[in-house]
Amino acid sequence: MLNQLVLSVADVQNTTISNIVVVTGSFVLLLALLKKLCVECNC
């Protein structure tokens, strides 16, 4: 019972961490694309 609880808590933390990583990665990618566009357009 307790073991399952620990496992589910760890699972929730894992998904939260991977969600944060995905969001951060997308954000960085978006920033990089915007920067690239700005350099190409000389704005």
Protein backbone atom coordinates (compact mmCIF):
# COMPACT_ATOMS: atom_id res chain seq x y z
CA MET A 1 0.00 0.00 0.00
CA LEU A 2 2.67 2.49 1.07
CA ASN A 3 4.93 1.27 -1.72
CA GLN A 4 2.24 2.01 -4.31
CA LEU A 5 1.76 5.48 -2.84
CA VAL A 6 5.48 6.21 -3.10
CA LEU A 7 5.49 4.93 -6.69
CA SER A 8 2.55 7.11 -7.71
CA VAL A 9 4.11 10.17 -6.08
CA ALA A 10 7.37 9.49 -7.93
CA ASP A 11 5.39 9.03 -11.15
CA VAL A 12 3.63 12.38 -10.68
CA GLN A 13 6.98 14.07 -10.03
CA ASN A 14 8.44 12.45 -13.15
CA THR A 15 5.60 13.66 -15.37
CA THR A 16 5.81 17.14 -13.83
CA ILE A 17 9.55 17.28 -14.47
CA SER A 18 9.20 16.05 -18.05
CA ASN A 19 6.38 18.56 -18.64
CA ILE A 20 8.62 21.37 -17.36
CA VAL A 21 11.45 20.15 -19.60
CA VAL A 22 9.15 20.04 -22.64
CA VAL A 23 7.74 23.51 -21.96
CA THR A 24 11.21 24.98 -21.34
CA GLY A 25 12.55 23.29 -24.47
CA SER A 26 9.71 24.65 -26.60
CA PHE A 27 10.20 28.12 -25.15
CA VAL A 28 13.95 28.10 -25.86
CA LEU A 29 13.29 26.83 -29.39
CA LEU A 30 10.74 29.59 -29.96
CA LEU A 31 13.17 32.24 -28.69
CA ALA A 32 15.92 30.88 -30.94
CA LEU A 33 13.59 31.03 -33.96
CA LEU A 34 12.53 34.60 -33.16
CA LYS A 35 16.15 35.65 -32.74
CA LYS A 36 17.04 34.03 -36.07
CA LEU A 37 14.18 35.84 -37.81
CA CYS A 38 15.23 39.16 -36.27
CA VAL A 39 18.83 38.67 -37.43
CA GLU A 40 17.66 37.80 -40.96
CA CYS A 41 15.32 40.80 -41.11
CA ASN A 42 17.80 43.16 -39.40
CA CYS A 43 15.19 44.55 -37.04
